[in-house]
Amino acid sequence: MTNFLIKTLANAGALAVAIWLLSGITLSGGSTGTKTLSLILVALIFGLVNVVVKPIVRLFSLPLLILTLGLFTLVINALMLMLTSWLADKVDLSFHVDGFGVALIGGLIISIVSWALNMLLPDRD
């Protein structure tokens, strides 16, 4: 449970950095508290998408992953970010990604920041 909470906070931090750096990824809303809660909920959705959908997509794209020496992972990360945006819209959260190009750069930023945060934060598994 603690590990899940730490990973969710790392995802929230990585998403916050992507929102801050890219104008095509937005989190709109009212007060800072509302935005923070929305960001945490989006991080939960993003985590669930990465746990449930991403392994299936990686399995079906295994030939492309091998052919591109793993670079297709960037495309998969962008698709997971776009899926998160779509799901957030369905549950009425104010998170939006404007297109595949922004999602590709955003996925790269989120991967790097999330990796760095997971290195800094304790792991309790």
Protein backbone atom coordinates (compact mmCIF):
# COMPACT_ATOMS: atom_id res chain seq x y z
CA MET A 1 0.00 0.00 0.00
CA THR A 2 2.82 2.40 0.85
CA ASN A 3 4.57 1.59 -2.44
CA PHE A 4 1.36 2.32 -4.37
CA LEU A 5 1.04 5.69 -2.63
CA ILE A 6 4.67 6.57 -3.35
CA LYS A 7 4.34 5.64 -7.02
CA THR A 8 1.11 7.66 -7.30
CA LEU A 9 2.82 10.70 -5.79
CA ALA A 10 5.77 10.22 -8.18
CA ASN A 11 3.33 10.05 -11.10
CA ALA A 12 1.59 13.19 -9.85
CA GLY A 13 4.93 14.99 -9.63
CA ALA A 14 5.93 13.85 -13.11
CA LEU A 15 2.56 14.92 -14.54
CA ALA A 16 2.91 18.29 -12.80
CA VAL A 17 6.31 18.84 -14.44
CA ALA A 18 4.89 17.94 -17.87
CA ILE A 19 1.95 20.32 -17.33
CA TRP A 20 4.38 23.05 -16.28
CA LEU A 21 6.75 22.55 -19.25
CA LEU A 22 4.29 21.92 -22.08
CA SER A 23 1.49 24.26 -23.03
CA GLY A 24 -0.29 21.39 -24.80
CA ILE A 25 -0.88 19.49 -21.56
CA THR A 26 -3.30 21.33 -19.33
CA LEU A 27 -4.93 20.90 -15.96
CA SER A 28 -7.55 23.57 -15.51
CA GLY A 29 -9.75 24.18 -12.55
CA GLY A 30 -10.47 26.51 -9.71
CA SER A 31 -8.36 26.75 -6.60
CA THR A 32 -4.98 25.20 -5.94
CA GLY A 33 -6.62 22.53 -3.76
CA THR A 34 -8.98 21.55 -6.56
CA LYS A 35 -6.11 21.33 -9.03
CA THR A 36 -4.05 19.26 -6.59
CA LEU A 37 -6.89 16.81 -6.05
CA SER A 38 -7.47 16.61 -9.81
CA LEU A 39 -3.76 15.99 -10.36
CA ILE A 40 -3.73 13.14 -7.84
CA LEU A 41 -6.83 11.60 -9.44
CA VAL A 42 -5.23 11.90 -12.90
CA ALA A 43 -2.09 10.27 -11.48
CA LEU A 44 -4.25 7.39 -10.21
CA ILE A 45 -5.82 6.99 -13.66
CA PHE A 46 -2.38 7.17 -15.27
CA GLY A 47 -1.08 4.52 -12.88
CA LEU A 48 -4.02 2.22 -13.58
CA VAL A 49 -3.60 2.67 -17.33
CA ASN A 50 0.10 1.80 -16.99
CA VAL A 51 -0.64 -1.28 -14.88
CA VAL A 52 -3.60 -2.65 -16.87
CA VAL A 53 -3.35 -1.48 -20.48
CA LYS A 54 0.37 -0.88 -21.07
CA PRO A 55 1.50 -4.53 -20.64
CA ILE A 56 -1.11 -5.66 -23.16
CA VAL A 57 -0.03 -3.01 -25.68
CA ARG A 58 3.63 -3.89 -25.14
CA LEU A 59 2.88 -7.57 -25.75
CA PHE A 60 1.10 -6.89 -29.02
CA SER A 61 3.78 -4.45 -30.15
CA LEU A 62 6.69 -6.70 -29.24
CA PRO A 63 7.89 -7.06 -32.86
CA LEU A 64 7.99 -3.26 -33.21
CA LEU A 65 9.78 -2.92 -29.89
CA ILE A 66 12.44 -5.39 -31.06
CA LEU A 67 12.71 -3.80 -34.51
CA THR A 68 13.17 -0.29 -33.09
CA LEU A 69 15.42 -1.47 -30.23
CA GLY A 70 12.87 -0.26 -27.68
CA LEU A 71 12.26 3.22 -29.11
CA PHE A 72 8.64 2.28 -29.82
CA THR A 73 8.22 2.52 -26.04
CA LEU A 74 8.05 6.31 -26.53
CA VAL A 75 5.03 5.83 -28.78
CA ILE A 76 3.41 3.50 -26.24
CA ASN A 77 4.00 6.06 -23.46
CA ALA A 78 2.40 8.77 -25.62
CA LEU A 79 -0.62 6.54 -26.26
CA MET A 80 -0.97 5.83 -22.53
CA LEU A 81 -0.90 9.58 -21.84
CA MET A 82 -3.56 10.20 -24.49
CA LEU A 83 -5.69 7.38 -23.04
CA THR A 84 -5.32 8.98 -19.60
CA SER A 85 -6.49 12.29 -21.05
CA TRP A 86 -9.51 10.60 -22.64
CA LEU A 87 -10.42 8.76 -19.43
CA ALA A 88 -9.96 11.93 -17.35
CA ASP A 89 -12.41 13.68 -19.67
CA LYS A 90 -14.91 10.84 -19.21
CA VAL A 91 -14.81 11.20 -15.40
CA ASP A 92 -15.02 15.00 -15.68
CA LEU A 93 -11.45 15.84 -14.66
CA SER A 94 -9.90 18.91 -16.26
CA PHE A 95 -6.79 17.20 -17.68
CA HIS A 96 -6.19 17.44 -21.42
CA VAL A 97 -3.43 16.54 -23.88
CA ASP A 98 -3.48 18.36 -27.24
CA GLY A 99 -2.44 15.75 -29.77
CA PHE A 100 0.09 13.01 -30.33
CA GLY A 101 3.18 15.21 -30.68
CA VAL A 102 2.61 16.83 -27.31
CA ALA A 103 1.84 13.41 -25.82
CA LEU A 104 5.12 12.05 -27.22
CA ILE A 105 7.18 14.81 -25.59
CA GLY A 106 5.03 14.66 -22.45
CA GLY A 107 5.48 10.91 -22.19
CA LEU A 108 9.25 11.37 -22.41
CA ILE A 109 9.22 14.07 -19.72
CA ILE A 110 6.96 12.00 -17.46
CA SER A 111 9.17 8.92 -17.89
CA ILE A 112 12.34 10.81 -16.97
CA VAL A 113 10.84 12.69 -14.01
CA SER A 114 9.01 9.62 -12.71
CA TRP A 115 12.21 7.56 -12.92
CA ALA A 116 14.14 10.26 -11.04
CA LEU A 117 11.47 10.59 -8.35
CA ASN A 118 11.24 6.83 -7.90
CA MET A 119 15.02 6.79 -7.39
CA LEU A 120 14.76 9.45 -4.68
CA LEU A 121 11.67 8.13 -2.90
CA PRO A 122 11.88 5.07 -0.65
CA ASP A 123 10.71 1.73 -1.98
CA ARG A 124 8.85 -0.43 0.53
CA ASP A 125 8.19 -3.67 -1.33
